[in-house]
Amino acid sequence: MSGSKLYARRGVVLASGGFARDDERLKKLYPHVRRGGIQLSPTPPGADTGDGIAMAERIGARFDDSYPHGAAWIPASKVQIGRQQYVFPHLVDRYKPGFIMVNRHGSRFCNEADSYHDVGIAMIETCRDDAETFAWQICDQRALRKYGMGFAKPAPIPASVYVNSGYLVKGKTLAELAQKMGLPAQALERTGRGIQHRCASGQRSAVWPWGIRLQPLSRRCCTSA
């Protein structure tokens, strides 16, 4: 009611959305956004700009920034269709058999089966000293044909559609894949050997401690950033 004075005993709920598109507030709250790189949001441009928060602050409200992660972090990839760019969340592929995620050093840094928010936090942590927060998701041809990867659909849709568009990177070996991705080949190969060894021996991983089964990587691999 415009112009009316309301009294609340406990508080007032401002149902005005979030602030995913408020660049200045994001930079203030999250160091990894300040460092640069690309911050993607599934919300449309012009929405979630934090107008309700700013309105409340102008009349004396205080924004509580005590939460370490007052956001829902989701690993996502960029999809270019024509002149339009979209965001595709990696929600149902990364924890499937045959998938791993690695940082720019070619090392696994998380339990891929964790919640998308926890994987997002792990990405932020592993990129703490980097200019950009990103990771590579890698799978073998068998997993790609069965499950797809992100926006890339499983068989019978040919993977070449996504390789030719630049959405996927393809290599016959991990060394070739590392070269195309700009990762240290020896480190990525070492990560691959570790997975094969644990699969053969049934050992648990330091970043996958709960005994969830890993699937050995076959020779042909694809990746998406």
C-alpha atoms as a PDB file:
ATOM      1  CA  MET A   1       0.000   0.000   0.000  1.00  0.00           C
ATOM      2  CA  SER A   2       1.846   3.054  -1.228  1.00  0.00           C
ATOM      3  CA  GLY A   3       2.156   5.774   1.390  1.00  0.00           C
ATOM      4  CA  SER A   4       0.896   3.581   4.236  1.00  0.00           C
ATOM      5  CA  LYS A   5       2.880   2.884   7.385  1.00  0.00           C
ATOM      6  CA  LEU A   6       3.102  -0.759   8.420  1.00  0.00           C
ATOM      7  CA  TYR A   7       4.317  -2.129  11.750  1.00  0.00           C
ATOM      8  CA  ALA A   8       5.816  -5.624  11.934  1.00  0.00           C
ATOM      9  CA  ARG A   9       6.617  -7.404  15.183  1.00  0.00           C
ATOM     10  CA  ARG A  10       9.226  -9.772  13.751  1.00  0.00           C
ATOM     11  CA  GLY A  11      10.216  -8.609  10.285  1.00  0.00           C
ATOM     12  CA  VAL A  12       9.194  -7.969   6.714  1.00  0.00           C
ATOM     13  CA  VAL A  13       9.696 -10.323   3.783  1.00  0.00           C
ATOM     14  CA  LEU A  14      10.689  -8.619   0.547  1.00  0.00           C
ATOM     15  CA  ALA A  15       9.650 -11.080  -2.166  1.00  0.00           C
ATOM     16  CA  SER A  16      11.609  -9.310  -4.873  1.00  0.00           C
ATOM     17  CA  GLY A  17      14.010 -11.966  -6.119  1.00  0.00           C
ATOM     18  CA  GLY A  18      17.750 -12.191  -5.663  1.00  0.00           C
ATOM     19  CA  PHE A  19      20.776 -10.291  -6.915  1.00  0.00           C
ATOM     20  CA  ALA A  20      22.367 -12.629  -9.464  1.00  0.00           C
ATOM     21  CA  ARG A  21      22.586  -9.742 -11.953  1.00  0.00           C
ATOM     22  CA  ASP A  22      23.806  -7.111  -9.488  1.00  0.00           C
ATOM     23  CA  ASP A  23      27.439  -7.073 -10.601  1.00  0.00           C
ATOM     24  CA  GLU A  24      28.620  -4.588  -7.987  1.00  0.00           C
ATOM     25  CA  ARG A  25      27.137  -6.520  -5.070  1.00  0.00           C
ATOM     26  CA  LEU A  26      28.507  -9.794  -6.437  1.00  0.00           C
ATOM     27  CA  LYS A  27      32.011  -8.315  -6.622  1.00  0.00           C
ATOM     28  CA  LYS A  28      31.676  -6.979  -3.100  1.00  0.00           C
ATOM     29  CA  LEU A  29      30.572 -10.317  -1.652  1.00  0.00           C
ATOM     30  CA  TYR A  30      32.553 -12.877  -3.634  1.00  0.00           C
ATOM     31  CA  PRO A  31      36.322 -12.592  -4.226  1.00  0.00           C
ATOM     32  CA  HIS A  32      36.260 -14.969  -7.194  1.00  0.00           C
ATOM     33  CA  VAL A  33      33.893 -12.594  -9.011  1.00  0.00           C
ATOM     34  CA  ARG A  34      36.173  -9.635  -8.260  1.00  0.00           C
ATOM     35  CA  ARG A  35      39.154 -11.463  -9.743  1.00  0.00           C
ATOM     36  CA  GLY A  36      37.510 -11.521 -13.154  1.00  0.00           C
ATOM     37  CA  GLY A  37      36.494 -14.214 -15.575  1.00  0.00           C
ATOM     38  CA  ILE A  38      32.928 -14.973 -16.551  1.00  0.00           C
ATOM     39  CA  GLN A  39      30.076 -15.095 -14.064  1.00  0.00           C
ATOM     40  CA  LEU A  40      27.085 -16.834 -15.624  1.00  0.00           C
ATOM     41  CA  SER A  41      23.489 -16.766 -14.448  1.00  0.00           C
ATOM     42  CA  PRO A  42      20.436 -18.654 -15.758  1.00  0.00           C
ATOM     43  CA  THR A  43      18.230 -15.661 -14.964  1.00  0.00           C
ATOM     44  CA  PRO A  44      17.420 -13.421 -17.941  1.00  0.00           C
ATOM     45  CA  PRO A  45      19.222 -10.086 -18.338  1.00  0.00           C
ATOM     46  CA  GLY A  46      17.427  -7.339 -16.455  1.00  0.00           C
ATOM     47  CA  ALA A  47      16.059  -9.709 -13.796  1.00  0.00           C
ATOM     48  CA  ASP A  48      17.439 -10.442 -10.325  1.00  0.00           C
ATOM     49  CA  THR A  49      19.240  -7.109 -10.113  1.00  0.00           C
ATOM     50  CA  GLY A  50      18.716  -6.752  -6.357  1.00  0.00           C
ATOM     51  CA  ASP A  51      16.247  -3.865  -6.594  1.00  0.00           C
ATOM     52  CA  GLY A  52      14.354  -4.979  -3.491  1.00  0.00           C
ATOM     53  CA  ILE A  53      17.565  -5.170  -1.463  1.00  0.00           C
ATOM     54  CA  ALA A  54      18.673  -1.714  -2.594  1.00  0.00           C
ATOM     55  CA  MET A  55      15.236  -0.282  -1.821  1.00  0.00           C
ATOM     56  CA  ALA A  56      15.336  -1.679   1.718  1.00  0.00           C
ATOM     57  CA  GLU A  57      18.879  -0.404   2.273  1.00  0.00           C
ATOM     58  CA  ARG A  58      17.813   3.100   1.319  1.00  0.00           C
ATOM     59  CA  ILE A  59      15.395   3.182   4.257  1.00  0.00           C
ATOM     60  CA  GLY A  60      17.856   1.780   6.785  1.00  0.00           C
ATOM     61  CA  ALA A  61      17.796  -2.009   6.321  1.00  0.00           C
ATOM     62  CA  ARG A  62      21.088  -3.905   6.564  1.00  0.00           C
ATOM     63  CA  PHE A  63      22.105  -6.634   4.153  1.00  0.00           C
ATOM     64  CA  ASP A  64      23.329  -9.696   6.072  1.00  0.00           C
ATOM     65  CA  ASP A  65      26.524 -10.846   4.366  1.00  0.00           C
ATOM     66  CA  SER A  66      27.618 -13.205   7.143  1.00  0.00           C
ATOM     67  CA  TYR A  67      26.857 -16.356   5.137  1.00  0.00           C
ATOM     68  CA  PRO A  68      30.029 -17.706   3.493  1.00  0.00           C
ATOM     69  CA  HIS A  69      28.111 -18.704   0.357  1.00  0.00           C
ATOM     70  CA  GLY A  70      24.810 -16.886   0.138  1.00  0.00           C
ATOM     71  CA  ALA A  71      24.227 -18.219  -3.360  1.00  0.00           C
ATOM     72  CA  ALA A  72      23.520 -21.447  -5.220  1.00  0.00           C
ATOM     73  CA  TRP A  73      26.640 -22.318  -7.204  1.00  0.00           C
ATOM     74  CA  ILE A  74      26.079 -24.579 -10.207  1.00  0.00           C
ATOM     75  CA  PRO A  75      28.743 -25.887 -12.619  1.00  0.00           C
ATOM     76  CA  ALA A  76      27.565 -24.700 -16.028  1.00  0.00           C
ATOM     77  CA  SER A  77      28.838 -24.426 -19.573  1.00  0.00           C
ATOM     78  CA  LYS A  78      28.308 -21.814 -22.269  1.00  0.00           C
ATOM     79  CA  VAL A  79      26.294 -22.846 -25.315  1.00  0.00           C
ATOM     80  CA  GLN A  80      26.461 -20.766 -28.479  1.00  0.00           C
ATOM     81  CA  ILE A  81      23.481 -21.176 -30.812  1.00  0.00           C
ATOM     82  CA  GLY A  82      23.641 -18.741 -33.683  1.00  0.00           C
ATOM     83  CA  ARG A  83      24.144 -15.301 -32.199  1.00  0.00           C
ATOM     84  CA  GLN A  84      22.639 -16.279 -28.858  1.00  0.00           C
ATOM     85  CA  GLN A  85      24.592 -17.598 -25.883  1.00  0.00           C
ATOM     86  CA  TYR A  86      22.934 -19.783 -23.279  1.00  0.00           C
ATOM     87  CA  VAL A  87      23.915 -21.337 -19.958  1.00  0.00           C
ATOM     88  CA  PHE A  88      23.545 -25.104 -19.515  1.00  0.00           C
ATOM     89  CA  PRO A  89      23.795 -26.501 -15.952  1.00  0.00           C
ATOM     90  CA  HIS A  90      25.752 -29.711 -15.385  1.00  0.00           C
ATOM     91  CA  LEU A  91      23.320 -31.330 -12.975  1.00  0.00           C
ATOM     92  CA  VAL A  92      22.911 -34.938 -14.114  1.00  0.00           C
ATOM     93  CA  ASP A  93      26.088 -35.833 -15.997  1.00  0.00           C
ATOM     94  CA  ARG A  94      29.122 -35.143 -13.776  1.00  0.00           C
ATOM     95  CA  TYR A  95      28.397 -37.944 -11.263  1.00  0.00           C
ATOM     96  CA  LYS A  96      27.833 -40.639 -13.889  1.00  0.00           C
ATOM     97  CA  PRO A  97      30.383 -43.445 -14.472  1.00  0.00           C
ATOM     98  CA  GLY A  98      33.181 -42.355 -16.777  1.00  0.00           C
ATOM     99  CA  PHE A  99      33.147 -38.647 -15.821  1.00  0.00           C
ATOM    100  CA  ILE A 100      35.740 -36.644 -13.912  1.00  0.00           C
ATOM    101  CA  MET A 101      36.357 -32.944 -13.298  1.00  0.00           C
ATOM    102  CA  VAL A 102      39.833 -31.426 -13.249  1.00  0.00           C
ATOM    103  CA  ASN A 103      41.284 -27.988 -12.557  1.00  0.00           C
ATOM    104  CA  ARG A 104      43.819 -26.103 -14.669  1.00  0.00           C
ATOM    105  CA  HIS A 105      46.578 -28.245 -13.148  1.00  0.00           C
ATOM    106  CA  GLY A 106      44.986 -31.403 -14.562  1.00  0.00           C
ATOM    107  CA  SER A 107      44.046 -32.697 -11.095  1.00  0.00           C
ATOM    108  CA  ARG A 108      40.718 -33.790  -9.689  1.00  0.00           C
ATOM    109  CA  PHE A 109      39.561 -31.436  -6.960  1.00  0.00           C
ATOM    110  CA  CYS A 110      36.127 -32.627  -5.862  1.00  0.00           C
ATOM    111  CA  ASN A 111      33.749 -35.499  -5.421  1.00  0.00           C
ATOM    112  CA  GLU A 112      31.864 -35.271  -8.703  1.00  0.00           C
ATOM    113  CA  ALA A 113      28.831 -36.859  -7.032  1.00  0.00           C
ATOM    114  CA  ASP A 114      28.501 -34.034  -4.497  1.00  0.00           C
ATOM    115  CA  SER A 115      25.643 -31.575  -4.822  1.00  0.00           C
ATOM    116  CA  TYR A 116      26.034 -28.943  -7.522  1.00  0.00           C
ATOM    117  CA  HIS A 117      26.466 -26.304  -4.819  1.00  0.00           C
ATOM    118  CA  ASP A 118      29.292 -28.207  -3.120  1.00  0.00           C
ATOM    119  CA  VAL A 119      31.003 -28.812  -6.459  1.00  0.00           C
ATOM    120  CA  GLY A 120      30.698 -25.084  -7.151  1.00  0.00           C
ATOM    121  CA  ILE A 121      32.330 -24.292  -3.812  1.00  0.00           C
ATOM    122  CA  ALA A 122      35.125 -26.754  -4.623  1.00  0.00           C
ATOM    123  CA  MET A 123      35.661 -24.994  -7.966  1.00  0.00           C
ATOM    124  CA  ILE A 124      35.917 -21.642  -6.212  1.00  0.00           C
ATOM    125  CA  GLU A 125      38.414 -23.074  -3.733  1.00  0.00           C
ATOM    126  CA  THR A 126      40.640 -24.811  -6.289  1.00  0.00           C
ATOM    127  CA  CYS A 127      40.760 -21.605  -8.372  1.00  0.00           C
ATOM    128  CA  ARG A 128      41.421 -19.339  -5.392  1.00  0.00           C
ATOM    129  CA  ASP A 129      44.736 -18.093  -6.827  1.00  0.00           C
ATOM    130  CA  ASP A 130      43.603 -17.992 -10.456  1.00  0.00           C
ATOM    131  CA  ALA A 131      42.258 -15.129 -12.528  1.00  0.00           C
ATOM    132  CA  GLU A 132      39.159 -17.120 -13.451  1.00  0.00           C
ATOM    133  CA  THR A 133      37.030 -19.778 -11.761  1.00  0.00           C
ATOM    134  CA  PHE A 134      36.590 -22.692 -14.134  1.00  0.00           C
ATOM    135  CA  ALA A 135      37.156 -26.421 -14.498  1.00  0.00           C
ATOM    136  CA  TRP A 136      37.121 -29.053 -17.214  1.00  0.00           C
ATOM    137  CA  GLN A 137      34.699 -31.962 -17.219  1.00  0.00           C
ATOM    138  CA  ILE A 138      36.087 -35.025 -18.972  1.00  0.00           C
ATOM    139  CA  CYS A 139      34.452 -38.261 -20.035  1.00  0.00           C
ATOM    140  CA  ASP A 140      35.278 -41.099 -22.369  1.00  0.00           C
ATOM    141  CA  GLN A 141      33.465 -41.927 -25.588  1.00  0.00           C
ATOM    142  CA  ARG A 142      31.502 -44.711 -23.937  1.00  0.00           C
ATOM    143  CA  ALA A 143      30.091 -42.383 -21.279  1.00  0.00           C
ATOM    144  CA  LEU A 144      29.374 -39.641 -23.817  1.00  0.00           C
ATOM    145  CA  ARG A 145      27.388 -42.009 -26.036  1.00  0.00           C
ATOM    146  CA  LYS A 146      25.419 -43.333 -23.081  1.00  0.00           C
ATOM    147  CA  TYR A 147      24.776 -40.191 -21.029  1.00  0.00           C
ATOM    148  CA  GLY A 148      25.729 -37.154 -23.092  1.00  0.00           C
ATOM    149  CA  MET A 149      27.595 -34.259 -21.494  1.00  0.00           C
ATOM    150  CA  GLY A 150      25.931 -30.997 -20.602  1.00  0.00           C
ATOM    151  CA  PHE A 151      24.211 -29.676 -23.726  1.00  0.00           C
ATOM    152  CA  ALA A 152      25.718 -32.492 -25.830  1.00  0.00           C
ATOM    153  CA  LYS A 153      23.144 -35.240 -26.301  1.00  0.00           C
ATOM    154  CA  PRO A 154      23.856 -38.984 -26.062  1.00  0.00           C
ATOM    155  CA  ALA A 155      23.787 -41.372 -29.022  1.00  0.00           C
ATOM    156  CA  PRO A 156      22.445 -41.512 -31.654  1.00  0.00           C
ATOM    157  CA  ILE A 157      23.195 -37.752 -31.905  1.00  0.00           C
ATOM    158  CA  PRO A 158      26.773 -37.643 -33.275  1.00  0.00           C
ATOM    159  CA  ALA A 159      29.376 -36.016 -31.036  1.00  0.00           C
ATOM    160  CA  SER A 160      30.861 -34.321 -34.099  1.00  0.00           C
ATOM    161  CA  VAL A 161      28.016 -31.790 -33.979  1.00  0.00           C
ATOM    162  CA  TYR A 162      29.305 -30.503 -30.642  1.00  0.00           C
ATOM    163  CA  VAL A 163      32.997 -30.884 -31.469  1.00  0.00           C
ATOM    164  CA  ASN A 164      32.612 -28.865 -34.669  1.00  0.00           C
ATOM    165  CA  SER A 165      30.734 -26.125 -32.816  1.00  0.00           C
ATOM    166  CA  GLY A 166      33.513 -25.892 -30.224  1.00  0.00           C
ATOM    167  CA  TYR A 167      31.300 -27.000 -27.339  1.00  0.00           C
ATOM    168  CA  LEU A 168      33.283 -30.231 -26.910  1.00  0.00           C
ATOM    169  CA  VAL A 169      37.003 -30.867 -27.284  1.00  0.00           C
ATOM    170  CA  LYS A 170      38.006 -34.327 -28.488  1.00  0.00           C
ATOM    171  CA  GLY A 171      41.252 -36.247 -28.154  1.00  0.00           C
ATOM    172  CA  LYS A 172      42.392 -39.824 -28.784  1.00  0.00           C
ATOM    173  CA  THR A 173      44.552 -39.728 -25.651  1.00  0.00           C
ATOM    174  CA  LEU A 174      44.642 -37.717 -22.453  1.00  0.00           C
ATOM    175  CA  ALA A 175      47.899 -36.150 -23.639  1.00  0.00           C
ATOM    176  CA  GLU A 176      46.261 -34.952 -26.856  1.00  0.00           C
ATOM    177  CA  LEU A 177      43.278 -33.707 -24.902  1.00  0.00           C
ATOM    178  CA  ALA A 178      45.528 -31.849 -22.461  1.00  0.00           C
ATOM    179  CA  GLN A 179      47.341 -30.144 -25.335  1.00  0.00           C
ATOM    180  CA  LYS A 180      44.051 -28.902 -26.800  1.00  0.00           C
ATOM    181  CA  MET A 181      42.796 -27.782 -23.392  1.00  0.00           C
ATOM    182  CA  GLY A 182      45.999 -26.040 -22.368  1.00  0.00           C
ATOM    183  CA  LEU A 183      46.598 -28.352 -19.397  1.00  0.00           C
ATOM    184  CA  PRO A 184      49.859 -30.020 -18.319  1.00  0.00           C
ATOM    185  CA  ALA A 185      49.777 -33.363 -20.120  1.00  0.00           C
ATOM    186  CA  GLN A 186      51.799 -35.288 -17.541  1.00  0.00           C
ATOM    187  CA  ALA A 187      49.503 -34.177 -14.729  1.00  0.00           C
ATOM    188  CA  LEU A 188      46.354 -35.163 -16.612  1.00  0.00           C
ATOM    189  CA  GLU A 189      47.854 -38.523 -17.538  1.00  0.00           C
ATOM    190  CA  ARG A 190      48.817 -39.036 -13.894  1.00  0.00           C
ATOM    191  CA  THR A 191      45.219 -38.294 -12.890  1.00  0.00           C
ATOM    192  CA  GLY A 192      43.998 -40.817 -15.464  1.00  0.00           C
ATOM    193  CA  ARG A 193      46.412 -43.499 -14.247  1.00  0.00           C
ATOM    194  CA  GLY A 194      45.255 -42.920 -10.686  1.00  0.00           C
ATOM    195  CA  ILE A 195      41.656 -43.515 -11.699  1.00  0.00           C
ATOM    196  CA  GLN A 196      42.537 -46.700 -13.585  1.00  0.00           C
ATOM    197  CA  HIS A 197      44.533 -47.981 -10.609  1.00  0.00           C
ATOM    198  CA  ARG A 198      41.757 -47.313  -8.120  1.00  0.00           C
ATOM    199  CA  CYS A 199      39.203 -48.928 -10.403  1.00  0.00           C
ATOM    200  CA  ALA A 200      41.365 -52.031 -10.723  1.00  0.00           C
ATOM    201  CA  SER A 201      42.169 -52.261  -7.012  1.00  0.00           C
ATOM    202  CA  GLY A 202      38.880 -51.040  -5.554  1.00  0.00           C
ATOM    203  CA  GLN A 203      40.626 -48.295  -3.575  1.00  0.00           C
ATOM    204  CA  ARG A 204      38.833 -45.182  -2.460  1.00  0.00           C
ATOM    205  CA  SER A 205      39.931 -41.751  -3.586  1.00  0.00           C
ATOM    206  CA  ALA A 206      40.908 -38.852  -1.363  1.00  0.00           C
ATOM    207  CA  VAL A 207      38.394 -36.702  -3.235  1.00  0.00           C
ATOM    208  CA  TRP A 208      35.872 -39.523  -3.535  1.00  0.00           C
ATOM    209  CA  PRO A 209      36.030 -41.109  -0.087  1.00  0.00           C
ATOM    210  CA  TRP A 210      32.639 -42.803   0.100  1.00  0.00           C
ATOM    211  CA  GLY A 211      33.448 -45.709  -2.170  1.00  0.00           C
ATOM    212  CA  ILE A 212      31.233 -44.636  -5.068  1.00  0.00           C
ATOM    213  CA  ARG A 213      32.390 -46.629  -8.061  1.00  0.00           C
ATOM    214  CA  LEU A 214      34.582 -44.994 -10.661  1.00  0.00           C
ATOM    215  CA  GLN A 215      34.547 -46.307 -14.209  1.00  0.00           C
ATOM    216  CA  PRO A 216      37.840 -46.680 -16.084  1.00  0.00           C
ATOM    217  CA  LEU A 217      38.337 -44.158 -18.875  1.00  0.00           C
ATOM    218  CA  SER A 218      38.596 -45.625 -22.356  1.00  0.00           C
ATOM    219  CA  ARG A 219      41.039 -44.242 -24.896  1.00  0.00           C
ATOM    220  CA  ARG A 220      38.830 -41.695 -26.651  1.00  0.00           C
ATOM    221  CA  CYS A 221      37.895 -38.762 -24.442  1.00  0.00           C
ATOM    222  CA  CYS A 222      35.838 -35.612 -24.768  1.00  0.00           C
ATOM    223  CA  THR A 223      35.665 -32.604 -22.525  1.00  0.00           C
ATOM    224  CA  SER A 224      33.617 -29.499 -21.891  1.00  0.00           C
ATOM    225  CA  ALA A 225      34.590 -26.372 -19.953  1.00  0.00           C
END
